[in-house]
Amino acid sequence: MASMGTAVSLPNPVLHPHDLNVDLHMHSRASDGVMAPAELVARGVEHGASLLALTDHDTLDGLPEFLEAGADLGLPVLSGVEISVSWGGETLHLVGLDFDPDHPAMGDTLRAMQASRHERARRIDAELMAHGLPSVLDEAMSYAGNPNLIGRAHFARALVARGVCSYTQEVFDRFLTPGKPGYVPQEWARLSDAMGWIQAAGGVPVLAHPARYRLSATAHWALLQEFRALGGHAIEVATGSHSREETRRYQRIAVEQGFAASRGSDFHSVQESRFDVGMAPPLPDATLPVWASRPEWFSRA
């Protein structure tokens, strides 16, 4: 793998790395998205994507179909995952890119994490019922394409279908975020452990949508320093989870602190996501794209 400062040969030498349509964050029905992995690849082709990564929450189950679809359609694709991490009393997300999906450091540990999701789902349902809402556990399970990965998004869809709320973000705002009636905290992996799993499998760790985390300025600085000390060199800058102002803020942070920048739609469904597959916000020119020193990624088809 090339170092961050190495000159590279990208698919079209005329193009600047920022001109490549790269989307390194999306979800399929293997976790809390609604489309099949192959549908995401087809959607990327339709939207002129240069490179995609599937980053389902805490599971690799969608990767075989995703990687096969990339090969069939001739679109470069990477293995990916979004691992839930507990840090400083907050749930963070760590994206892993281009790792060996068969490495036991990834598969075995993620399967162990999935077992806790069932218990959390039962507790969420009980909390909602305790506040006067109907039980929607069965409906939530029906929305989970992968029953091992049931999460809050599936409860949100179930409550919208029941007419309790009009749209999924309303469910989160009223019931499923910290301090709300249906929120159930979960102890996830430690940052050091998740970083170790990704690195042991040969992958690249990326701190996902950092603006989403409710951290003080001091804690935020400490997180970035710990991430760097553990071998982290890239953060998401342009993401469907960031506003324009947040994208500019993390552009500055990436440049000032020497992080490579990643880009992703964070696509879940057409109805729920701000950006479609291959339609993520543009990466600011001043940043160094995480893919700029990895030309081999563009041959993963």
Protein backbone atom coordinates (compact mmCIF):
# COMPACT_ATOMS: atom_id res chain seq x y z
CA MET A 1 0.00 0.00 0.00
CA ALA A 2 1.34 3.44 -0.95
CA SER A 3 2.18 5.94 1.75
CA MET A 4 0.11 9.09 2.19
CA GLY A 5 2.67 11.24 0.42
CA THR A 6 3.46 8.95 -2.55
CA ALA A 7 2.60 10.06 -6.08
CA VAL A 8 -0.06 7.79 -7.51
CA SER A 9 -1.63 6.75 -10.80
CA LEU A 10 -5.40 7.07 -10.62
CA PRO A 11 -7.88 5.57 -13.12
CA ASN A 12 -7.89 8.66 -15.37
CA PRO A 13 -4.61 10.59 -15.08
CA VAL A 14 -6.37 13.73 -16.36
CA LEU A 15 -8.65 13.78 -13.32
CA HIS A 16 -7.72 15.34 -10.00
CA PRO A 17 -8.41 12.90 -7.11
CA HIS A 18 -11.25 15.16 -5.94
CA ASP A 19 -12.97 14.78 -9.32
CA LEU A 20 -13.47 11.05 -8.83
CA ASN A 21 -16.96 10.12 -7.69
CA VAL A 22 -16.09 8.07 -4.60
CA ASP A 23 -18.71 6.93 -2.05
CA LEU A 24 -17.22 5.07 0.92
CA HIS A 25 -20.19 4.92 3.31
CA MET A 26 -23.53 3.23 2.65
CA HIS A 27 -25.85 0.62 4.13
CA SER A 28 -27.76 -2.34 2.74
CA ARG A 29 -30.59 -4.41 4.16
CA ALA A 30 -27.90 -6.57 5.78
CA SER A 31 -27.99 -3.91 8.53
CA ASP A 32 -30.34 -0.89 8.59
CA GLY A 33 -30.60 -0.02 4.89
CA VAL A 34 -33.49 -1.15 2.71
CA MET A 35 -31.78 -2.20 -0.54
CA ALA A 36 -29.91 -5.36 -1.41
CA PRO A 37 -26.13 -4.95 -1.72
CA ALA A 38 -26.29 -5.61 -5.46
CA GLU A 39 -28.90 -2.87 -5.85
CA LEU A 40 -26.50 -0.39 -4.27
CA VAL A 41 -23.81 -1.28 -6.81
CA ALA A 42 -26.27 -0.90 -9.68
CA ARG A 43 -27.31 2.46 -8.27
CA GLY A 44 -23.68 3.52 -8.11
CA VAL A 45 -23.21 2.60 -11.76
CA GLU A 46 -26.31 4.62 -12.65
CA HIS A 47 -24.91 7.66 -10.83
CA GLY A 48 -21.45 7.46 -12.36
CA ALA A 49 -19.56 6.30 -9.27
CA SER A 50 -15.84 5.58 -9.55
CA LEU A 51 -15.53 3.56 -6.32
CA LEU A 52 -17.96 2.29 -3.65
CA ALA A 53 -17.67 0.66 -0.23
CA LEU A 54 -20.47 -1.08 1.65
CA THR A 55 -20.24 -0.20 5.35
CA ASP A 56 -23.08 -2.01 7.10
CA HIS A 57 -23.31 -1.71 10.88
CA ASP A 58 -21.36 -4.41 12.74
CA THR A 59 -21.79 -7.06 10.06
CA LEU A 60 -20.06 -8.37 6.95
CA ASP A 61 -23.07 -10.38 5.75
CA GLY A 62 -23.75 -8.15 2.72
CA LEU A 63 -20.19 -8.13 1.42
CA PRO A 64 -20.18 -11.31 -0.73
CA GLU A 65 -23.14 -10.07 -2.80
CA PHE A 66 -21.72 -6.53 -2.95
CA LEU A 67 -18.26 -7.62 -4.09
CA GLU A 68 -19.73 -10.03 -6.66
CA ALA A 69 -21.99 -7.30 -8.05
CA GLY A 70 -19.01 -4.97 -8.40
CA ALA A 71 -17.15 -7.60 -10.41
CA ASP A 72 -20.21 -8.34 -12.56
CA LEU A 73 -20.90 -4.67 -13.35
CA GLY A 74 -17.26 -3.61 -13.63
CA LEU A 75 -17.41 -1.04 -10.83
CA PRO A 76 -14.53 -0.96 -8.30
CA VAL A 77 -15.83 -1.83 -4.83
CA LEU A 78 -14.23 -2.29 -1.41
CA SER A 79 -15.02 -4.36 1.62
CA GLY A 80 -16.27 -2.15 4.42
CA VAL A 81 -17.97 -2.09 7.81
CA GLU A 82 -19.18 0.50 10.32
CA ILE A 83 -18.32 -0.62 13.85
CA SER A 84 -20.14 0.80 16.88
CA VAL A 85 -17.74 2.08 19.54
CA SER A 86 -18.27 3.35 23.09
CA TRP A 87 -16.00 6.29 23.92
CA GLY A 88 -16.35 8.99 26.56
CA GLY A 89 -19.95 8.05 27.31
CA GLU A 90 -20.90 8.47 23.65
CA THR A 91 -21.52 5.98 20.84
CA LEU A 92 -19.10 6.57 17.99
CA HIS A 93 -18.82 4.89 14.61
CA LEU A 94 -15.62 3.66 13.03
CA VAL A 95 -15.57 2.74 9.35
CA GLY A 96 -13.18 0.04 8.17
CA LEU A 97 -12.19 -0.09 4.49
CA ASP A 98 -10.44 -2.62 2.28
CA PHE A 99 -9.86 -5.42 4.79
CA ASP A 100 -9.91 -9.20 4.45
CA PRO A 101 -13.55 -10.17 5.22
CA ASP A 102 -12.43 -13.70 6.10
CA HIS A 103 -9.98 -12.60 8.78
CA PRO A 104 -11.16 -13.90 12.18
CA ALA A 105 -10.35 -10.56 13.83
CA MET A 106 -13.34 -9.15 11.96
CA GLY A 107 -15.85 -11.96 11.54
CA ASP A 108 -15.66 -13.60 14.94
CA THR A 109 -15.71 -10.39 16.95
CA LEU A 110 -18.57 -8.83 14.97
CA ARG A 111 -20.70 -11.93 15.40
CA ALA A 112 -20.21 -11.67 19.14
CA MET A 113 -21.34 -8.03 19.06
CA GLN A 114 -24.53 -8.92 17.22
CA ALA A 115 -25.83 -11.06 20.07
CA SER A 116 -26.28 -7.99 22.26
CA ARG A 117 -28.55 -6.30 19.73
CA HIS A 118 -31.44 -8.73 20.38
CA GLU A 119 -31.47 -7.94 24.06
CA ARG A 120 -31.31 -4.22 23.35
CA ALA A 121 -34.25 -4.53 20.93
CA ARG A 122 -36.38 -6.18 23.62
CA ARG A 123 -35.47 -3.41 26.06
CA ILE A 124 -36.32 -0.68 23.53
CA ASP A 125 -39.73 -2.25 22.96
CA ALA A 126 -40.35 -2.48 26.71
CA GLU A 127 -39.35 1.17 27.19
CA LEU A 128 -41.70 2.31 24.44
CA MET A 129 -44.56 0.29 25.93
CA ALA A 130 -43.86 1.75 29.37
CA HIS A 131 -44.54 5.17 27.86
CA GLY A 132 -47.85 4.21 26.34
CA LEU A 133 -46.82 3.07 22.88
CA PRO A 134 -47.81 -0.28 21.37
CA SER A 135 -45.35 -3.14 21.10
CA VAL A 136 -43.69 -3.00 17.68
CA LEU A 137 -40.93 -5.54 18.21
CA ASP A 138 -42.35 -7.98 15.66
CA GLU A 139 -42.81 -5.22 13.10
CA ALA A 140 -39.30 -3.93 13.76
CA MET A 141 -37.94 -7.43 13.23
CA SER A 142 -39.82 -7.65 9.93
CA TYR A 143 -38.05 -4.50 8.72
CA ALA A 144 -34.64 -5.97 9.58
CA GLY A 145 -33.40 -7.76 6.49
CA ASN A 146 -30.81 -9.30 8.80
CA PRO A 147 -32.47 -10.21 12.14
CA ASN A 148 -29.04 -10.27 13.78
CA LEU A 149 -28.71 -6.54 13.12
CA ILE A 150 -31.98 -5.13 14.43
CA GLY A 151 -31.53 -1.53 15.51
CA ARG A 152 -33.24 1.77 16.15
CA ALA A 153 -33.90 2.45 12.45
CA HIS A 154 -36.10 -0.63 12.28
CA PHE A 155 -38.15 0.57 15.26
CA ALA A 156 -38.43 3.97 13.60
CA ARG A 157 -39.85 2.44 10.42
CA ALA A 158 -42.28 0.33 12.43
CA LEU A 159 -43.57 3.34 14.36
CA VAL A 160 -44.05 5.31 11.15
CA ALA A 161 -45.97 2.39 9.67
CA ARG A 162 -48.17 2.35 12.80
CA GLY A 163 -48.89 6.06 12.35
CA VAL A 164 -47.25 7.06 15.63
CA CYS A 165 -44.96 9.44 13.71
CA SER A 166 -44.96 10.82 10.19
CA TYR A 167 -41.34 10.11 9.30
CA THR A 168 -38.38 8.25 10.74
CA GLN A 169 -36.41 11.28 11.96
CA GLU A 170 -39.44 12.29 14.03
CA VAL A 171 -39.30 8.90 15.76
CA PHE A 172 -35.64 9.42 16.62
CA ASP A 173 -36.28 12.95 17.85
CA ARG A 174 -39.19 11.92 20.06
CA PHE A 175 -38.24 8.46 21.27
CA LEU A 176 -34.88 6.98 20.24
CA THR A 177 -32.14 9.44 21.18
CA PRO A 178 -30.51 9.92 24.61
CA GLY A 179 -32.95 11.29 27.16
CA LYS A 180 -36.03 10.19 25.18
CA PRO A 181 -38.54 7.51 26.30
CA GLY A 182 -37.38 4.65 24.07
CA TYR A 183 -33.64 5.16 24.16
CA VAL A 184 -31.64 2.26 25.57
CA PRO A 185 -27.87 2.78 25.92
CA GLN A 186 -25.56 0.07 24.72
CA GLU A 187 -21.96 -0.70 25.63
CA TRP A 188 -20.15 -1.27 22.36
CA ALA A 189 -16.55 -2.11 21.48
CA ARG A 190 -13.66 0.00 22.74
CA LEU A 191 -12.03 2.27 20.15
CA SER A 192 -8.69 0.52 20.59
CA ASP A 193 -10.29 -2.89 20.01
CA ALA A 194 -12.19 -1.83 16.89
CA MET A 195 -9.08 -0.18 15.47
CA GLY A 196 -7.14 -3.34 16.16
CA TRP A 197 -9.66 -5.56 14.38
CA ILE A 198 -9.61 -3.43 11.24
CA GLN A 199 -5.83 -3.15 11.17
CA ALA A 200 -5.28 -6.86 11.87
CA ALA A 201 -7.42 -7.65 8.83
CA GLY A 202 -5.32 -5.28 6.69
CA GLY A 203 -7.88 -2.48 6.52
CA VAL A 204 -7.95 1.30 6.80
CA PRO A 205 -9.84 2.78 9.80
CA VAL A 206 -11.80 6.00 9.24
CA LEU A 207 -13.55 8.03 11.93
CA ALA A 208 -17.13 8.33 10.67
CA HIS A 209 -19.16 11.60 10.63
CA PRO A 210 -17.30 13.23 13.55
CA ALA A 211 -19.69 16.20 13.76
CA ARG A 212 -22.48 13.93 15.00
CA TYR A 213 -20.89 13.20 18.36
CA ARG A 214 -22.02 15.18 21.39
CA LEU A 215 -18.56 15.87 22.75
CA SER A 216 -17.05 18.95 24.32
CA ALA A 217 -14.23 20.70 22.44
CA THR A 218 -11.71 19.14 24.83
CA ALA A 219 -13.16 15.65 24.46
CA HIS A 220 -13.31 16.04 20.69
CA TRP A 221 -9.62 16.98 20.61
CA ALA A 222 -8.81 14.00 22.85
CA LEU A 223 -10.72 11.65 20.55
CA LEU A 224 -8.78 12.78 17.49
CA GLN A 225 -5.49 12.43 19.35
CA GLU A 226 -6.32 8.92 20.55
CA PHE A 227 -7.52 7.95 17.08
CA ARG A 228 -4.23 9.15 15.62
CA ALA A 229 -2.17 7.42 18.33
CA LEU A 230 -3.93 4.13 17.50
CA GLY A 231 -2.95 4.45 13.84
CA GLY A 232 -5.91 6.39 12.46
CA HIS A 233 -5.06 8.66 9.53
CA ALA A 234 -8.45 9.47 7.93
CA ILE A 235 -11.72 11.11 8.99
CA GLU A 236 -14.97 11.58 7.13
CA VAL A 237 -15.26 15.17 5.96
CA ALA A 238 -17.90 15.13 3.23
CA THR A 239 -20.75 12.93 4.41
CA GLY A 240 -24.52 12.85 4.23
CA SER A 241 -24.47 13.23 8.02
CA HIS A 242 -22.71 16.63 7.91
CA SER A 243 -24.11 20.05 7.09
CA ARG A 244 -22.16 22.35 4.76
CA GLU A 245 -20.82 24.21 7.78
CA GLU A 246 -19.71 20.95 9.41
CA THR A 247 -18.02 19.85 6.18
CA ARG A 248 -16.05 23.11 6.11
CA ARG A 249 -15.16 22.70 9.78
CA TYR A 250 -13.77 19.20 9.28
CA GLN A 251 -12.00 20.30 6.14
CA ARG A 252 -10.06 22.72 8.33
CA ILE A 253 -9.46 20.09 11.00
CA ALA A 254 -8.22 17.54 8.45
CA VAL A 255 -5.83 20.03 6.89
CA GLU A 256 -4.57 21.47 10.18
CA GLN A 257 -4.07 18.10 11.85
CA GLY A 258 -2.85 16.15 8.84
CA PHE A 259 -5.73 13.72 8.40
CA ALA A 260 -6.75 12.31 5.03
CA ALA A 261 -10.38 13.00 4.17
CA SER A 262 -13.08 10.50 3.28
CA ARG A 263 -16.40 10.98 1.49
CA GLY A 264 -19.64 9.02 1.73
CA SER A 265 -23.38 9.38 1.25
CA ASP A 266 -24.33 7.41 4.41
CA PHE A 267 -27.18 6.13 2.24
CA HIS A 268 -29.91 3.99 3.85
CA SER A 269 -32.93 4.52 1.61
CA VAL A 270 -34.31 7.00 -0.88
CA GLN A 271 -36.95 8.15 1.61
CA GLU A 272 -34.64 8.53 4.62
CA SER A 273 -31.30 9.72 3.27
CA ARG A 274 -30.21 13.19 2.25
CA PHE A 275 -27.90 11.84 -0.46
CA ASP A 276 -28.21 8.89 -2.82
CA VAL A 277 -25.51 6.33 -3.64
CA GLY A 278 -22.77 8.05 -5.61
CA MET A 279 -24.29 11.47 -4.88
CA ALA A 280 -22.41 12.36 -1.67
CA PRO A 281 -21.42 15.98 -0.99
CA PRO A 282 -18.21 17.01 -2.78
CA LEU A 283 -14.95 16.73 -0.92
CA PRO A 284 -13.34 20.16 -0.46
CA ASP A 285 -10.29 20.67 -2.70
CA ALA A 286 -7.92 21.60 0.12
CA THR A 287 -8.13 18.13 1.67
CA LEU A 288 -6.14 15.01 0.81
CA PRO A 289 -8.60 12.27 -0.26
CA VAL A 290 -8.05 8.96 1.51
CA TRP A 291 -8.09 7.25 -1.91
CA ALA A 292 -5.40 9.52 -3.44
CA SER A 293 -2.56 7.26 -2.26
CA ARG A 294 -4.38 4.00 -2.94
CA PRO A 295 -4.68 3.50 -6.71
CA GLU A 296 -5.15 -0.23 -6.12
CA TRP A 297 -8.64 0.50 -4.79
CA PHE A 298 -9.76 1.39 -8.31
CA SER A 299 -8.95 -2.09 -9.59
CA ARG A 300 -11.24 -3.86 -7.08
CA ALA A 301 -13.91 -4.88 -9.58
